[in-house]
Amino acid sequence: MAVNTAADEYRLATFYFESKAYTDAARMLEGVLAEEPANLSVRLLLARSYYHSAQLHRAEAELRRILDIDPVEDYARLMLGRTLERQSRHEEARPHLRLAAAMTGEDW
């Protein structure tokens, strides 16, 4: 019986995410993250999976962890702003969205 590596599980989680099975993707990514807690790509995909499966408090917490590690991660900044907006926390969202726009040159 073959043992799945973290890389195998990440690939499968990516497949689930792309198939819009966001809860399944999140479940797999939680396991990958336990093995690779410093991997920001895993954290970001996990946050996106939480966001798309309406686990907004979990998405927010994960995005804040990413930004604690890498404050200039523009996509995490954008996602945090959108996550806060979905929770009707527009005033809190605004600075994150403005900063993401300034970092990327895009108008969010």
N, C-alpha and C. Protein backbone atom coordinates (compact mmCIF):
# COMPACT_ATOMS: atom_id res chain seq x y z
N MET A 1 0.84 -1.18 0.00
CA MET A 1 0.00 0.00 0.00
C MET A 1 0.89 1.25 0.00
N ALA A 2 0.63 2.16 -0.91
CA ALA A 2 1.43 3.37 -1.03
C ALA A 2 1.01 4.39 0.02
N VAL A 3 1.99 5.09 0.55
CA VAL A 3 1.72 6.15 1.51
C VAL A 3 1.76 7.48 0.77
N ASN A 4 0.73 8.27 0.95
CA ASN A 4 0.69 9.58 0.30
C ASN A 4 1.66 10.54 0.99
N THR A 5 2.40 11.26 0.19
CA THR A 5 3.28 12.30 0.72
C THR A 5 2.49 13.60 0.82
N ALA A 6 3.06 14.57 1.49
CA ALA A 6 2.42 15.88 1.57
C ALA A 6 2.22 16.46 0.17
N ALA A 7 3.18 16.22 -0.71
CA ALA A 7 3.05 16.72 -2.08
C ALA A 7 1.89 16.06 -2.80
N ASP A 8 1.70 14.75 -2.60
CA ASP A 8 0.56 14.04 -3.20
C ASP A 8 -0.75 14.61 -2.67
N GLU A 9 -0.81 14.82 -1.38
CA GLU A 9 -2.03 15.35 -0.77
C GLU A 9 -2.30 16.78 -1.24
N TYR A 10 -1.25 17.57 -1.43
CA TYR A 10 -1.42 18.93 -1.93
C TYR A 10 -1.99 18.90 -3.35
N ARG A 11 -1.46 18.01 -4.18
CA ARG A 11 -1.97 17.88 -5.55
C ARG A 11 -3.44 17.47 -5.54
N LEU A 12 -3.81 16.53 -4.68
CA LEU A 12 -5.19 16.10 -4.58
C LEU A 12 -6.08 17.23 -4.06
N ALA A 13 -5.59 17.97 -3.08
CA ALA A 13 -6.35 19.10 -2.55
C ALA A 13 -6.55 20.16 -3.64
N THR A 14 -5.54 20.38 -4.46
CA THR A 14 -5.66 21.32 -5.57
C THR A 14 -6.72 20.84 -6.56
N PHE A 15 -6.73 19.55 -6.83
CA PHE A 15 -7.76 18.97 -7.70
C PHE A 15 -9.15 19.22 -7.10
N TYR A 16 -9.31 18.96 -5.81
CA TYR A 16 -10.60 19.21 -5.15
C TYR A 16 -10.98 20.68 -5.26
N PHE A 17 -10.02 21.57 -5.02
CA PHE A 17 -10.30 23.00 -5.10
C PHE A 17 -10.76 23.38 -6.50
N GLU A 18 -10.02 22.92 -7.51
CA GLU A 18 -10.38 23.24 -8.89
C GLU A 18 -11.72 22.63 -9.30
N SER A 19 -12.11 21.55 -8.61
CA SER A 19 -13.40 20.90 -8.87
C SER A 19 -14.51 21.53 -8.02
N LYS A 20 -14.18 22.57 -7.30
CA LYS A 20 -15.11 23.30 -6.43
C LYS A 20 -15.60 22.48 -5.25
N ALA A 21 -14.82 21.48 -4.86
CA ALA A 21 -15.09 20.70 -3.65
C ALA A 21 -14.25 21.33 -2.53
N TYR A 22 -14.63 22.54 -2.15
CA TYR A 22 -13.81 23.36 -1.27
C TYR A 22 -13.66 22.78 0.14
N THR A 23 -14.69 22.18 0.67
CA THR A 23 -14.60 21.59 2.00
C THR A 23 -13.63 20.42 2.00
N ASP A 24 -13.69 19.59 0.95
CA ASP A 24 -12.75 18.47 0.83
C ASP A 24 -11.33 18.98 0.68
N ALA A 25 -11.16 20.03 -0.10
CA ALA A 25 -9.83 20.62 -0.28
C ALA A 25 -9.30 21.11 1.07
N ALA A 26 -10.14 21.81 1.82
CA ALA A 26 -9.71 22.33 3.11
C ALA A 26 -9.30 21.20 4.05
N ARG A 27 -10.08 20.15 4.08
CA ARG A 27 -9.77 19.02 4.95
C ARG A 27 -8.39 18.44 4.61
N MET A 28 -8.12 18.27 3.33
CA MET A 28 -6.82 17.73 2.92
C MET A 28 -5.69 18.71 3.25
N LEU A 29 -5.93 19.97 3.00
CA LEU A 29 -4.89 20.98 3.23
C LEU A 29 -4.57 21.15 4.71
N GLU A 30 -5.53 20.93 5.58
CA GLU A 30 -5.26 20.99 7.01
C GLU A 30 -4.21 19.94 7.38
N GLY A 31 -4.31 18.75 6.78
CA GLY A 31 -3.32 17.71 7.03
C GLY A 31 -1.95 18.06 6.47
N VAL A 32 -1.94 18.62 5.26
CA VAL A 32 -0.68 19.04 4.65
C VAL A 32 -0.02 20.12 5.50
N LEU A 33 -0.82 21.06 5.97
CA LEU A 33 -0.29 22.16 6.76
C LEU A 33 0.30 21.66 8.08
N ALA A 34 -0.29 20.62 8.64
CA ALA A 34 0.27 20.04 9.87
C ALA A 34 1.68 19.52 9.63
N GLU A 35 1.95 19.04 8.42
CA GLU A 35 3.27 18.54 8.07
C GLU A 35 4.22 19.65 7.61
N GLU A 36 3.66 20.71 7.04
CA GLU A 36 4.47 21.80 6.50
C GLU A 36 3.93 23.15 6.95
N PRO A 37 4.02 23.47 8.23
CA PRO A 37 3.39 24.69 8.74
C PRO A 37 3.97 26.00 8.18
N ALA A 38 5.15 25.96 7.63
CA ALA A 38 5.76 27.18 7.09
C ALA A 38 5.44 27.42 5.62
N ASN A 39 4.70 26.52 5.01
CA ASN A 39 4.43 26.61 3.57
C ASN A 39 3.28 27.59 3.31
N LEU A 40 3.62 28.78 2.82
CA LEU A 40 2.61 29.81 2.60
C LEU A 40 1.67 29.47 1.45
N SER A 41 2.13 28.71 0.47
CA SER A 41 1.25 28.30 -0.63
C SER A 41 0.12 27.42 -0.12
N VAL A 42 0.45 26.52 0.79
CA VAL A 42 -0.56 25.65 1.40
C VAL A 42 -1.52 26.51 2.21
N ARG A 43 -0.99 27.43 3.00
CA ARG A 43 -1.84 28.30 3.82
C ARG A 43 -2.79 29.13 2.96
N LEU A 44 -2.28 29.65 1.85
CA LEU A 44 -3.12 30.50 1.00
C LEU A 44 -4.23 29.68 0.34
N LEU A 45 -3.91 28.49 -0.14
CA LEU A 45 -4.94 27.64 -0.74
C LEU A 45 -5.95 27.20 0.32
N LEU A 46 -5.48 26.96 1.53
CA LEU A 46 -6.39 26.61 2.62
C LEU A 46 -7.33 27.79 2.91
N ALA A 47 -6.79 28.98 2.99
CA ALA A 47 -7.63 30.17 3.22
C ALA A 47 -8.65 30.34 2.11
N ARG A 48 -8.24 30.14 0.88
CA ARG A 48 -9.17 30.25 -0.26
C ARG A 48 -10.24 29.17 -0.18
N SER A 49 -9.86 27.97 0.24
CA SER A 49 -10.84 26.88 0.39
C SER A 49 -11.86 27.23 1.47
N TYR A 50 -11.38 27.77 2.58
CA TYR A 50 -12.28 28.21 3.64
C TYR A 50 -13.22 29.30 3.12
N TYR A 51 -12.68 30.27 2.42
CA TYR A 51 -13.47 31.38 1.90
C TYR A 51 -14.59 30.87 0.99
N HIS A 52 -14.24 30.01 0.05
CA HIS A 52 -15.22 29.52 -0.91
C HIS A 52 -16.23 28.55 -0.30
N SER A 53 -15.89 27.96 0.84
CA SER A 53 -16.85 27.07 1.52
C SER A 53 -17.56 27.81 2.66
N ALA A 54 -17.47 29.14 2.64
CA ALA A 54 -18.15 30.02 3.60
C ALA A 54 -17.72 29.78 5.05
N GLN A 55 -16.50 29.33 5.24
CA GLN A 55 -15.93 29.22 6.58
C GLN A 55 -15.10 30.49 6.81
N LEU A 56 -15.81 31.60 6.91
CA LEU A 56 -15.18 32.91 6.84
C LEU A 56 -14.29 33.21 8.04
N HIS A 57 -14.65 32.76 9.21
CA HIS A 57 -13.79 33.02 10.39
C HIS A 57 -12.48 32.25 10.25
N ARG A 58 -12.55 31.04 9.75
CA ARG A 58 -11.32 30.26 9.52
C ARG A 58 -10.48 30.91 8.42
N ALA A 59 -11.13 31.37 7.36
CA ALA A 59 -10.40 32.05 6.28
C ALA A 59 -9.69 33.29 6.83
N GLU A 60 -10.41 34.07 7.59
CA GLU A 60 -9.82 35.28 8.17
C GLU A 60 -8.62 34.94 9.04
N ALA A 61 -8.75 33.94 9.90
CA ALA A 61 -7.64 33.57 10.79
C ALA A 61 -6.42 33.14 9.98
N GLU A 62 -6.64 32.34 8.95
CA GLU A 62 -5.53 31.85 8.13
C GLU A 62 -4.87 32.99 7.37
N LEU A 63 -5.68 33.89 6.84
CA LEU A 63 -5.13 35.04 6.10
C LEU A 63 -4.33 35.95 7.02
N ARG A 64 -4.80 36.13 8.23
CA ARG A 64 -4.04 36.95 9.19
C ARG A 64 -2.72 36.28 9.54
N ARG A 65 -2.70 34.94 9.65
CA ARG A 65 -1.43 34.23 9.90
C ARG A 65 -0.46 34.47 8.74
N ILE A 66 -0.96 34.38 7.52
CA ILE A 66 -0.12 34.61 6.34
C ILE A 66 0.46 36.02 6.40
N LEU A 67 -0.38 37.00 6.69
CA LEU A 67 0.08 38.39 6.69
C LEU A 67 1.01 38.68 7.87
N ASP A 68 0.90 37.93 8.95
CA ASP A 68 1.86 38.07 10.05
C ASP A 68 3.25 37.63 9.59
N ILE A 69 3.29 36.60 8.75
CA ILE A 69 4.55 36.07 8.23
C ILE A 69 5.07 36.91 7.08
N ASP A 70 4.16 37.30 6.19
CA ASP A 70 4.54 38.02 4.97
C ASP A 70 3.56 39.18 4.74
N PRO A 71 3.80 40.33 5.36
CA PRO A 71 2.87 41.45 5.28
C PRO A 71 2.65 42.02 3.87
N VAL A 72 3.52 41.70 2.94
CA VAL A 72 3.37 42.22 1.58
C VAL A 72 2.79 41.18 0.61
N GLU A 73 2.19 40.14 1.13
CA GLU A 73 1.52 39.14 0.30
C GLU A 73 0.20 39.76 -0.17
N ASP A 74 0.25 40.33 -1.38
CA ASP A 74 -0.88 41.13 -1.86
C ASP A 74 -2.17 40.34 -2.04
N TYR A 75 -2.08 39.09 -2.48
CA TYR A 75 -3.31 38.32 -2.68
C TYR A 75 -3.96 37.99 -1.33
N ALA A 76 -3.15 37.69 -0.32
CA ALA A 76 -3.70 37.45 1.02
C ALA A 76 -4.37 38.71 1.54
N ARG A 77 -3.77 39.86 1.26
CA ARG A 77 -4.34 41.14 1.68
C ARG A 77 -5.71 41.34 1.01
N LEU A 78 -5.77 41.09 -0.29
CA LEU A 78 -7.03 41.20 -1.03
C LEU A 78 -8.08 40.23 -0.46
N MET A 79 -7.67 38.99 -0.27
CA MET A 79 -8.61 37.98 0.24
C MET A 79 -9.10 38.34 1.64
N LEU A 80 -8.24 38.89 2.48
CA LEU A 80 -8.67 39.30 3.81
C LEU A 80 -9.73 40.40 3.69
N GLY A 81 -9.48 41.35 2.82
CA GLY A 81 -10.47 42.42 2.60
C GLY A 81 -11.81 41.85 2.15
N ARG A 82 -11.78 40.94 1.21
CA ARG A 82 -13.02 40.35 0.71
C ARG A 82 -13.70 39.48 1.77
N THR A 83 -12.90 38.79 2.56
CA THR A 83 -13.46 37.96 3.63
C THR A 83 -14.17 38.84 4.65
N LEU A 84 -13.56 39.95 5.00
CA LEU A 84 -14.20 40.88 5.94
C LEU A 84 -15.46 41.48 5.33
N GLU A 85 -15.43 41.81 4.05
CA GLU A 85 -16.63 42.32 3.38
C GLU A 85 -17.78 41.31 3.46
N ARG A 86 -17.48 40.04 3.22
CA ARG A 86 -18.53 39.01 3.26
C ARG A 86 -19.13 38.87 4.65
N GLN A 87 -18.40 39.33 5.66
CA GLN A 87 -18.91 39.31 7.02
C GLN A 87 -19.55 40.66 7.39
N SER A 88 -19.76 41.51 6.40
CA SER A 88 -20.34 42.85 6.58
C SER A 88 -19.48 43.71 7.50
N ARG A 89 -18.18 43.54 7.42
CA ARG A 89 -17.22 44.33 8.20
C ARG A 89 -16.47 45.25 7.24
N HIS A 90 -17.26 46.10 6.58
CA HIS A 90 -16.75 46.93 5.48
C HIS A 90 -15.66 47.91 5.91
N GLU A 91 -15.83 48.51 7.09
CA GLU A 91 -14.82 49.46 7.55
C GLU A 91 -13.48 48.77 7.79
N GLU A 92 -13.50 47.56 8.33
CA GLU A 92 -12.26 46.80 8.53
C GLU A 92 -11.66 46.35 7.21
N ALA A 93 -12.51 46.08 6.23
CA ALA A 93 -12.05 45.58 4.94
C ALA A 93 -11.35 46.66 4.12
N ARG A 94 -11.85 47.88 4.22
CA ARG A 94 -11.39 48.96 3.35
C ARG A 94 -9.87 49.14 3.32
N PRO A 95 -9.17 49.22 4.46
CA PRO A 95 -7.71 49.44 4.38
C PRO A 95 -6.97 48.27 3.71
N HIS A 96 -7.46 47.06 3.91
CA HIS A 96 -6.82 45.90 3.28
C HIS A 96 -7.01 45.94 1.77
N LEU A 97 -8.20 46.31 1.33
CA LEU A 97 -8.46 46.39 -0.10
C LEU A 97 -7.66 47.53 -0.75
N ARG A 98 -7.57 48.64 -0.05
CA ARG A 98 -6.78 49.77 -0.58
C ARG A 98 -5.30 49.40 -0.68
N LEU A 99 -4.80 48.74 0.33
CA LEU A 99 -3.39 48.34 0.32
C LEU A 99 -3.13 47.32 -0.79
N ALA A 100 -4.03 46.37 -0.97
CA ALA A 100 -3.88 45.39 -2.05
C ALA A 100 -3.87 46.09 -3.40
N ALA A 101 -4.74 47.07 -3.57
CA ALA A 101 -4.79 47.82 -4.83
C ALA A 101 -3.49 48.59 -5.05
N ALA A 102 -2.97 49.20 -4.00
CA ALA A 102 -1.72 49.95 -4.12
C ALA A 102 -0.56 49.02 -4.45
N MET A 103 -0.57 47.82 -3.88
CA MET A 103 0.52 46.88 -4.11
C MET A 103 0.52 46.31 -5.53
N THR A 104 -0.65 46.15 -6.10
CA THR A 104 -0.76 45.51 -7.41
C THR A 104 -0.99 46.50 -8.55
N GLY A 105 -1.39 47.72 -8.21
CA GLY A 105 -1.71 48.68 -9.26
C GLY A 105 -3.09 48.44 -9.84
N GLU A 106 -3.87 47.55 -9.24
CA GLU A 106 -5.23 47.24 -9.71
C GLU A 106 -6.22 47.97 -8.83
N ASP A 107 -7.40 48.21 -9.35
CA ASP A 107 -8.45 48.85 -8.59
C ASP A 107 -9.43 47.80 -8.11
N TRP A 108 -9.37 47.47 -6.81
CA TRP A 108 -10.27 46.45 -6.26
C TRP A 108 -11.51 47.15 -5.79
